[in-house]
C-alpha atoms as a PDB file:
ATOM      1  CA  GLY A   1     -10.072  23.292  -0.932  1.00  0.00           C
ATOM      2  CA  ILE A   2      -9.462  20.394   1.331  1.00  0.00           C
ATOM      3  CA  ASP A   3      -5.973  19.376   2.432  1.00  0.00           C
ATOM      4  CA  ARG A   4      -5.113  16.324   0.299  1.00  0.00           C
ATOM      5  CA  ASN A   5      -3.003  14.810   3.093  1.00  0.00           C
ATOM      6  CA  VAL A   6      -5.798  14.418   5.661  1.00  0.00           C
ATOM      7  CA  LYS A   7      -7.141  10.968   6.437  1.00  0.00           C
ATOM      8  CA  VAL A   8      -9.691   9.324   8.675  1.00  0.00           C
ATOM      9  CA  LEU A   9      -9.344   5.804  10.066  1.00  0.00           C
ATOM     10  CA  ILE A  10     -12.544   3.880  10.770  1.00  0.00           C
ATOM     11  CA  HIS A  11     -12.707   0.462  12.398  1.00  0.00           C
ATOM     12  CA  ILE A  12     -15.679  -1.894  11.901  1.00  0.00           C
ATOM     13  CA  LYS A  13     -16.852  -5.323  12.924  1.00  0.00           C
ATOM     14  CA  ILE A  14     -18.530  -7.561  10.357  1.00  0.00           C
ATOM     15  CA  LEU A  15     -20.924 -10.171  11.715  1.00  0.00           C
ATOM     16  CA  LYS A  16     -21.380 -13.683  10.315  1.00  0.00           C
ATOM     17  CA  ASN A  17     -24.405 -12.580   8.244  1.00  0.00           C
ATOM     18  CA  GLY A  18     -22.446  -9.666   6.706  1.00  0.00           C
ATOM     19  CA  GLU A  19     -23.985  -6.975   8.888  1.00  0.00           C
ATOM     20  CA  ILE A  20     -21.603  -4.146   9.781  1.00  0.00           C
ATOM     21  CA  LYS A  21     -21.540  -3.240  13.481  1.00  0.00           C
ATOM     22  CA  ASN A  22     -19.401  -1.175  15.830  1.00  0.00           C
ATOM     23  CA  ILE A  23     -18.419   1.582  13.395  1.00  0.00           C
ATOM     24  CA  ARG A  24     -15.797   3.559  15.304  1.00  0.00           C
ATOM     25  CA  TYR A  25     -13.472   6.385  14.409  1.00  0.00           C
ATOM     26  CA  LYS A  26      -9.946   5.374  15.377  1.00  0.00           C
ATOM     27  CA  ARG A  27      -8.617   8.678  14.057  1.00  0.00           C
ATOM     28  CA  ARG A  28     -10.566  11.652  12.759  1.00  0.00           C
ATOM     29  CA  SER A  29      -9.199  13.804   9.967  1.00  0.00           C
ATOM     30  CA  GLY A  30     -10.026  17.177  11.466  1.00  0.00           C
ATOM     31  CA  ASN A  31     -12.327  17.745   8.475  1.00  0.00           C
ATOM     32  CA  GLN A  32     -15.941  17.081   9.441  1.00  0.00           C
ATOM     33  CA  TYR A  33     -17.039  16.603   5.820  1.00  0.00           C
ATOM     34  CA  LEU A  34     -14.445  13.867   5.178  1.00  0.00           C
ATOM     35  CA  ASP A  35     -15.214  12.145   8.493  1.00  0.00           C
ATOM     36  CA  ASP A  36     -18.969  12.146   7.823  1.00  0.00           C
ATOM     37  CA  SER A  37     -18.512  11.021   4.200  1.00  0.00           C
ATOM     38  CA  ALA A  38     -16.366   8.060   5.260  1.00  0.00           C
ATOM     39  CA  LYS A  39     -18.944   6.903   7.789  1.00  0.00           C
ATOM     40  CA  LYS A  40     -21.770   7.330   5.268  1.00  0.00           C
ATOM     41  CA  ALA A  41     -19.856   5.212   2.732  1.00  0.00           C
ATOM     42  CA  ILE A  42     -19.557   2.376   5.242  1.00  0.00           C
ATOM     43  CA  ASN A  43     -23.238   2.622   6.136  1.00  0.00           C
ATOM     44  CA  LYS A  44     -24.171   2.465   2.430  1.00  0.00           C
ATOM     45  CA  ALA A  45     -22.175  -0.770   2.053  1.00  0.00           C
ATOM     46  CA  ASN A  46     -24.150  -2.390   4.873  1.00  0.00           C
ATOM     47  CA  PRO A  47     -24.798  -5.299   4.715  1.00  0.00           C
ATOM     48  CA  LEU A  48     -21.808  -6.980   3.129  1.00  0.00           C
ATOM     49  CA  PRO A  49     -21.928 -10.551   1.821  1.00  0.00           C
ATOM     50  CA  PRO A  50     -22.016 -13.203   4.567  1.00  0.00           C
ATOM     51  CA  LEU A  51     -18.671 -14.310   5.956  1.00  0.00           C
ATOM     52  CA  PRO A  52     -17.228 -17.702   4.980  1.00  0.00           C
ATOM     53  CA  TYR A  53     -18.346 -20.792   6.859  1.00  0.00           C
ATOM     54  CA  GLY A  54     -16.736 -21.049  10.276  1.00  0.00           C
ATOM     55  CA  VAL A  55     -15.996 -17.313  10.617  1.00  0.00           C
ATOM     56  CA  ASP A  56     -18.237 -15.758  13.271  1.00  0.00           C
ATOM     57  CA  SER A  57     -17.052 -12.162  12.892  1.00  0.00           C
ATOM     58  CA  TYR A  58     -14.247 -10.116  11.391  1.00  0.00           C
ATOM     59  CA  GLU A  59     -12.771  -6.757  12.357  1.00  0.00           C
ATOM     60  CA  VAL A  60     -11.114  -4.444   9.871  1.00  0.00           C
ATOM     61  CA  GLY A  61      -9.992  -0.838   9.546  1.00  0.00           C
ATOM     62  CA  PHE A  62     -10.224   1.499   6.575  1.00  0.00           C
ATOM     63  CA  ILE A  63      -8.265   4.654   5.808  1.00  0.00           C
ATOM     64  CA  PHE A  64     -10.247   7.253   3.873  1.00  0.00           C
ATOM     65  CA  THR A  65      -8.553  10.214   2.182  1.00  0.00           C
ATOM     66  CA  PRO A  66      -9.873  12.895  -0.187  1.00  0.00           C
ATOM     67  CA  LYS A  67      -8.458  10.742  -3.028  1.00  0.00           C
ATOM     68  CA  GLY A  68     -10.168   7.522  -1.935  1.00  0.00           C
ATOM     69  CA  VAL A  69      -9.694   4.516   0.324  1.00  0.00           C
ATOM     70  CA  LEU A  70      -6.233   3.200   1.068  1.00  0.00           C
END
């Protein structure tokens, strides 16, 4: 079993066209499976819809846990 209290924080940059770039771990969980799964989930979502007019890029962080995304 995996510790239900572990979490991984990943930071990304979204380009104007919706492409995800600069996927970086800000904090690893200590569980390689959770860390890899979180990164794979972000890669599967690539590309996102284009950003609204006038927005050149956007940076955001996600917290992944064994229960889901916070």
